[in-house]
């Protein structure tokens, strides 16, 4: 997943870059990271918080 992180450290946008094969899991992953994901804001050259990007991978598995 490709994430856009806003200047407050919250996930502003999530885009699935490699599908799990399940649209439901892909949507659930983006929903979770947008609701609960928090980052330390990136800073620009003058030290002010700024927008940034990140890539994350989720691995869903069922217990045995």
PDB file of N, CA and C in Angstrom:
ATOM      1  N   UNK A   1       0.823  -1.166   0.000  1.00  0.00           N
ATOM      2  CA  UNK A   1       0.000   0.000   0.000  1.00  0.00           C
ATOM      3  C   UNK A   1       0.871   1.234   0.000  1.00  0.00           C
ATOM      4  N   UNK A   2       0.424   2.194  -0.747  1.00  0.00           N
ATOM      5  CA  UNK A   2       1.095   3.485  -0.790  1.00  0.00           C
ATOM      6  C   UNK A   2       0.270   4.448   0.057  1.00  0.00           C
ATOM      7  N   UNK A   3       0.936   5.100   0.994  1.00  0.00           N
ATOM      8  CA  UNK A   3       0.255   6.005   1.904  1.00  0.00           C
ATOM      9  C   UNK A   3       0.739   7.434   1.721  1.00  0.00           C
ATOM     10  N   UNK A   4      -0.171   8.371   1.853  1.00  0.00           N
ATOM     11  CA  UNK A   4       0.189   9.782   1.938  1.00  0.00           C
ATOM     12  C   UNK A   4      -0.098  10.193   3.370  1.00  0.00           C
ATOM     13  N   UNK A   5       0.928  10.706   4.028  1.00  0.00           N
ATOM     14  CA  UNK A   5       0.852  11.114   5.430  1.00  0.00           C
ATOM     15  C   UNK A   5       0.783  12.632   5.471  1.00  0.00           C
ATOM     16  N   UNK A   6      -0.211  13.173   6.195  1.00  0.00           N
ATOM     17  CA  UNK A   6      -0.321  14.634   6.247  1.00  0.00           C
ATOM     18  C   UNK A   6       0.647  15.218   7.280  1.00  0.00           C
ATOM     19  N   UNK A   7       0.666  16.518   7.382  1.00  0.00           N
ATOM     20  CA  UNK A   7       1.612  17.211   8.265  1.00  0.00           C
ATOM     21  C   UNK A   7       1.337  16.978   9.749  1.00  0.00           C
ATOM     22  N   UNK A   8       0.180  16.392  10.088  1.00  0.00           N
ATOM     23  CA  UNK A   8      -0.105  16.071  11.490  1.00  0.00           C
ATOM     24  C   UNK A   8       0.271  14.631  11.831  1.00  0.00           C
ATOM     25  N   UNK A   9       0.681  13.848  10.822  1.00  0.00           N
ATOM     26  CA  UNK A   9       1.070  12.459  11.055  1.00  0.00           C
ATOM     27  C   UNK A   9      -0.049  11.462  10.805  1.00  0.00           C
ATOM     28  N   UNK A  10      -1.184  11.931  10.321  1.00  0.00           N
ATOM     29  CA  UNK A  10      -2.305  11.031  10.026  1.00  0.00           C
ATOM     30  C   UNK A  10      -2.254  10.586   8.573  1.00  0.00           C
ATOM     31  N   UNK A  11      -2.752   9.379   8.317  1.00  0.00           N
ATOM     32  CA  UNK A  11      -2.794   8.861   6.958  1.00  0.00           C
ATOM     33  C   UNK A  11      -3.933   9.562   6.215  1.00  0.00           C
ATOM     34  N   UNK A  12      -3.562  10.315   5.206  1.00  0.00           N
ATOM     35  CA  UNK A  12      -4.518  11.096   4.427  1.00  0.00           C
ATOM     36  C   UNK A  12      -5.131  10.270   3.302  1.00  0.00           C
ATOM     37  N   UNK A  13      -4.303   9.412   2.685  1.00  0.00           N
ATOM     38  CA  UNK A  13      -4.771   8.626   1.545  1.00  0.00           C
ATOM     39  C   UNK A  13      -4.038   7.295   1.516  1.00  0.00           C
ATOM     40  N   UNK A  14      -4.770   6.254   1.138  1.00  0.00           N
ATOM     41  CA  UNK A  14      -4.206   4.916   1.005  1.00  0.00           C
ATOM     42  C   UNK A  14      -4.573   4.376  -0.364  1.00  0.00           C
ATOM     43  N   UNK A  15      -3.584   3.855  -1.079  1.00  0.00           N
ATOM     44  CA  UNK A  15      -3.803   3.260  -2.386  1.00  0.00           C
ATOM     45  C   UNK A  15      -3.197   1.863  -2.377  1.00  0.00           C
ATOM     46  N   UNK A  16      -3.974   0.882  -2.816  1.00  0.00           N
ATOM     47  CA  UNK A  16      -3.467  -0.493  -2.891  1.00  0.00           C
ATOM     48  C   UNK A  16      -2.557  -0.603  -4.107  1.00  0.00           C
ATOM     49  N   UNK A  17      -1.288  -0.897  -3.857  1.00  0.00           N
ATOM     50  CA  UNK A  17      -0.319  -1.010  -4.952  1.00  0.00           C
ATOM     51  C   UNK A  17      -0.121  -2.456  -5.384  1.00  0.00           C
ATOM     52  N   UNK A  18      -0.435  -3.395  -4.501  1.00  0.00           N
ATOM     53  CA  UNK A  18      -0.342  -4.819  -4.816  1.00  0.00           C
ATOM     54  C   UNK A  18      -1.458  -5.521  -4.055  1.00  0.00           C
ATOM     55  N   UNK A  19      -2.437  -6.017  -4.773  1.00  0.00           N
ATOM     56  CA  UNK A  19      -3.618  -6.595  -4.149  1.00  0.00           C
ATOM     57  C   UNK A  19      -3.313  -7.907  -3.435  1.00  0.00           C
ATOM     58  N   UNK A  20      -4.061  -8.151  -2.382  1.00  0.00           N
ATOM     59  CA  UNK A  20      -3.970  -9.421  -1.664  1.00  0.00           C
ATOM     60  C   UNK A  20      -4.712 -10.516  -2.421  1.00  0.00           C
ATOM     61  N   UNK A  21      -5.479 -10.106  -3.417  1.00  0.00           N
ATOM     62  CA  UNK A  21      -6.324 -11.043  -4.140  1.00  0.00           C
ATOM     63  C   UNK A  21      -7.767 -10.985  -3.650  1.00  0.00           C
ATOM     64  N   UNK A  22      -7.979 -10.227  -2.582  1.00  0.00           N
ATOM     65  CA  UNK A  22      -9.319 -10.062  -2.023  1.00  0.00           C
ATOM     66  C   UNK A  22      -9.619  -8.573  -1.888  1.00  0.00           C
ATOM     67  N   UNK A  23     -10.607  -8.117  -2.626  1.00  0.00           N
ATOM     68  CA  UNK A  23     -10.980  -6.704  -2.550  1.00  0.00           C
ATOM     69  C   UNK A  23     -11.433  -6.328  -1.148  1.00  0.00           C
ATOM     70  N   UNK A  24     -12.064  -7.256  -0.447  1.00  0.00           N
ATOM     71  CA  UNK A  24     -12.528  -6.988   0.924  1.00  0.00           C
ATOM     72  C   UNK A  24     -11.347  -6.769   1.860  1.00  0.00           C
ATOM     73  N   UNK A  25     -10.321  -7.611   1.772  1.00  0.00           N
ATOM     74  CA  UNK A  25      -9.132  -7.440   2.628  1.00  0.00           C
ATOM     75  C   UNK A  25      -8.365  -6.184   2.256  1.00  0.00           C
ATOM     76  N   UNK A  26      -8.269  -5.887   0.978  1.00  0.00           N
ATOM     77  CA  UNK A  26      -7.587  -4.668   0.542  1.00  0.00           C
ATOM     78  C   UNK A  26      -8.279  -3.440   1.125  1.00  0.00           C
ATOM     79  N   UNK A  27      -9.601  -3.396   1.014  1.00  0.00           N
ATOM     80  CA  UNK A  27     -10.363  -2.263   1.541  1.00  0.00           C
ATOM     81  C   UNK A  27     -10.260  -2.183   3.058  1.00  0.00           C
ATOM     82  N   UNK A  28     -10.306  -3.329   3.735  1.00  0.00           N
ATOM     83  CA  UNK A  28     -10.200  -3.350   5.196  1.00  0.00           C
ATOM     84  C   UNK A  28      -8.830  -2.847   5.654  1.00  0.00           C
ATOM     85  N   UNK A  29      -7.793  -3.228   4.940  1.00  0.00           N
ATOM     86  CA  UNK A  29      -6.438  -2.784   5.288  1.00  0.00           C
ATOM     87  C   UNK A  29      -6.319  -1.269   5.179  1.00  0.00           C
ATOM     88  N   UNK A  30      -6.801  -0.712   4.059  1.00  0.00           N
ATOM     89  CA  UNK A  30      -6.748   0.743   3.886  1.00  0.00           C
ATOM     90  C   UNK A  30      -7.596   1.442   4.949  1.00  0.00           C
ATOM     91  N   UNK A  31      -8.761   0.915   5.216  1.00  0.00           N
ATOM     92  CA  UNK A  31      -9.629   1.516   6.223  1.00  0.00           C
ATOM     93  C   UNK A  31      -8.960   1.530   7.596  1.00  0.00           C
ATOM     94  N   UNK A  32      -8.354   0.422   7.969  1.00  0.00           N
ATOM     95  CA  UNK A  32      -7.681   0.339   9.269  1.00  0.00           C
ATOM     96  C   UNK A  32      -6.527   1.329   9.384  1.00  0.00           C
ATOM     97  N   UNK A  33      -5.691   1.356   8.357  1.00  0.00           N
ATOM     98  CA  UNK A  33      -4.523   2.239   8.434  1.00  0.00           C
ATOM     99  C   UNK A  33      -4.943   3.708   8.409  1.00  0.00           C
ATOM    100  N   UNK A  34      -6.032   4.042   7.719  1.00  0.00           N
ATOM    101  CA  UNK A  34      -6.482   5.430   7.714  1.00  0.00           C
ATOM    102  C   UNK A  34      -7.120   5.824   9.046  1.00  0.00           C
ATOM    103  N   UNK A  35      -7.803   4.895   9.696  1.00  0.00           N
ATOM    104  CA  UNK A  35      -8.423   5.212  10.985  1.00  0.00           C
ATOM    105  C   UNK A  35      -7.430   5.205  12.141  1.00  0.00           C
ATOM    106  N   UNK A  36      -6.479   4.259  12.121  1.00  0.00           N
ATOM    107  CA  UNK A  36      -5.646   4.055  13.298  1.00  0.00           C
ATOM    108  C   UNK A  36      -4.175   4.382  13.126  1.00  0.00           C
ATOM    109  N   UNK A  37      -3.709   4.501  11.886  1.00  0.00           N
ATOM    110  CA  UNK A  37      -2.290   4.750  11.633  1.00  0.00           C
ATOM    111  C   UNK A  37      -1.869   6.149  12.065  1.00  0.00           C
ATOM    112  N   UNK A  38      -0.758   6.230  12.756  1.00  0.00           N
ATOM    113  CA  UNK A  38      -0.198   7.510  13.188  1.00  0.00           C
ATOM    114  C   UNK A  38       1.305   7.485  12.940  1.00  0.00           C
ATOM    115  N   UNK A  39       1.796   8.582  12.424  1.00  0.00           N
ATOM    116  CA  UNK A  39       3.217   8.742  12.131  1.00  0.00           C
ATOM    117  C   UNK A  39       3.747   9.975  12.831  1.00  0.00           C
ATOM    118  N   UNK A  40       5.033   9.996  13.058  1.00  0.00           N
ATOM    119  CA  UNK A  40       5.693  11.235  13.452  1.00  0.00           C
ATOM    120  C   UNK A  40       5.819  12.042  12.167  1.00  0.00           C
ATOM    121  N   UNK A  41       5.288  13.251  12.150  1.00  0.00           N
ATOM    122  CA  UNK A  41       5.307  14.024  10.897  1.00  0.00           C
ATOM    123  C   UNK A  41       6.719  14.234  10.357  1.00  0.00           C
ATOM    124  N   UNK A  42       6.836  14.154   9.049  1.00  0.00           N
ATOM    125  CA  UNK A  42       8.100  14.507   8.396  1.00  0.00           C
ATOM    126  C   UNK A  42       8.275  16.020   8.512  1.00  0.00           C
ATOM    127  N   UNK A  43       9.498  16.473   8.371  1.00  0.00           N
ATOM    128  CA  UNK A  43       9.755  17.915   8.434  1.00  0.00           C
ATOM    129  C   UNK A  43      10.516  18.358   7.196  1.00  0.00           C
ATOM    130  N   UNK A  44      10.295  19.605   6.822  1.00  0.00           N
ATOM    131  CA  UNK A  44      11.020  20.152   5.681  1.00  0.00           C
ATOM    132  C   UNK A  44      12.362  20.718   6.143  1.00  0.00           C
ATOM    133  N   UNK A  45      13.087  21.368   5.264  1.00  0.00           N
ATOM    134  CA  UNK A  45      14.433  21.857   5.580  1.00  0.00           C
ATOM    135  C   UNK A  45      14.453  22.910   6.682  1.00  0.00           C
ATOM    136  N   UNK A  46      13.333  23.589   6.904  1.00  0.00           N
ATOM    137  CA  UNK A  46      13.287  24.578   7.986  1.00  0.00           C
ATOM    138  C   UNK A  46      12.673  24.011   9.267  1.00  0.00           C
ATOM    139  N   UNK A  47      12.388  22.694   9.269  1.00  0.00           N
ATOM    140  CA  UNK A  47      11.893  22.042  10.473  1.00  0.00           C
ATOM    141  C   UNK A  47      10.381  22.047  10.639  1.00  0.00           C
ATOM    142  N   UNK A  48       9.657  22.580   9.682  1.00  0.00           N
ATOM    143  CA  UNK A  48       8.195  22.615   9.765  1.00  0.00           C
ATOM    144  C   UNK A  48       7.609  21.269   9.313  1.00  0.00           C
ATOM    145  N   UNK A  49       6.562  20.791   9.990  1.00  0.00           N
ATOM    146  CA  UNK A  49       5.920  19.535   9.572  1.00  0.00           C
ATOM    147  C   UNK A  49       5.419  19.643   8.129  1.00  0.00           C
ATOM    148  N   UNK A  50       5.547  18.531   7.411  1.00  0.00           N
ATOM    149  CA  UNK A  50       5.142  18.519   6.006  1.00  0.00           C
ATOM    150  C   UNK A  50       4.562  17.164   5.624  1.00  0.00           C
ATOM    151  N   UNK A  51       3.897  17.116   4.503  1.00  0.00           N
ATOM    152  CA  UNK A  51       3.325  15.883   3.983  1.00  0.00           C
ATOM    153  C   UNK A  51       4.443  14.935   3.559  1.00  0.00           C
ATOM    154  N   UNK A  52       4.203  13.627   3.686  1.00  0.00           N
ATOM    155  CA  UNK A  52       5.192  12.642   3.267  1.00  0.00           C
ATOM    156  C   UNK A  52       4.475  11.406   2.725  1.00  0.00           C
ATOM    157  N   UNK A  53       5.272  10.440   2.295  1.00  0.00           N
ATOM    158  CA  UNK A  53       4.726   9.196   1.748  1.00  0.00           C
ATOM    159  C   UNK A  53       5.404   8.013   2.419  1.00  0.00           C
ATOM    160  N   UNK A  54       4.702   6.864   2.417  1.00  0.00           N
ATOM    161  CA  UNK A  54       5.262   5.627   2.952  1.00  0.00           C
ATOM    162  C   UNK A  54       4.654   4.463   2.184  1.00  0.00           C
ATOM    163  N   UNK A  55       5.341   3.348   2.208  1.00  0.00           N
ATOM    164  CA  UNK A  55       4.835   2.100   1.636  1.00  0.00           C
ATOM    165  C   UNK A  55       4.757   1.103   2.777  1.00  0.00           C
ATOM    166  N   UNK A  56       3.639   0.398   2.879  1.00  0.00           N
ATOM    167  CA  UNK A  56       3.492  -0.628   3.904  1.00  0.00           C
ATOM    168  C   UNK A  56       2.940  -1.902   3.272  1.00  0.00           C
ATOM    169  N   UNK A  57       3.211  -3.014   3.914  1.00  0.00           N
ATOM    170  CA  UNK A  57       2.709  -4.310   3.478  1.00  0.00           C
ATOM    171  C   UNK A  57       1.966  -4.950   4.635  1.00  0.00           C
ATOM    172  N   UNK A  58       0.780  -5.432   4.363  1.00  0.00           N
ATOM    173  CA  UNK A  58       0.020  -6.182   5.355  1.00  0.00           C
ATOM    174  C   UNK A  58       0.046  -7.646   4.958  1.00  0.00           C
ATOM    175  N   UNK A  59       0.181  -8.517   5.945  1.00  0.00           N
ATOM    176  CA  UNK A  59       0.118  -9.942   5.689  1.00  0.00           C
ATOM    177  C   UNK A  59      -1.004 -10.499   6.549  1.00  0.00           C
ATOM    178  N   UNK A  60      -2.078 -10.891   5.901  1.00  0.00           N
ATOM    179  CA  UNK A  60      -3.221 -11.484   6.598  1.00  0.00           C
ATOM    180  C   UNK A  60      -3.020 -12.994   6.626  1.00  0.00           C
ATOM    181  N   UNK A  61      -3.312 -13.605   7.779  1.00  0.00           N
ATOM    182  CA  UNK A  61      -3.228 -15.068   7.869  1.00  0.00           C
ATOM    183  C   UNK A  61      -4.290 -15.570   8.832  1.00  0.00           C
ATOM    184  N   UNK A  62      -4.711 -16.778   8.601  1.00  0.00           N
ATOM    185  CA  UNK A  62      -5.690 -17.422   9.473  1.00  0.00           C
ATOM    186  C   UNK A  62      -4.964 -18.340  10.445  1.00  0.00           C
ATOM    187  N   UNK A  63      -5.409 -18.369  11.699  1.00  0.00           N
ATOM    188  CA  UNK A  63      -4.757 -19.278  12.659  1.00  0.00           C
ATOM    189  C   UNK A  63      -5.006 -20.735  12.269  1.00  0.00           C
ATOM    190  N   UNK A  64      -4.063 -21.583  12.608  1.00  0.00           N
ATOM    191  CA  UNK A  64      -4.201 -23.028  12.292  1.00  0.00           C
ATOM    192  C   UNK A  64      -5.225 -23.686  13.152  1.00  0.00           C
TER     193      UNK A  64
END
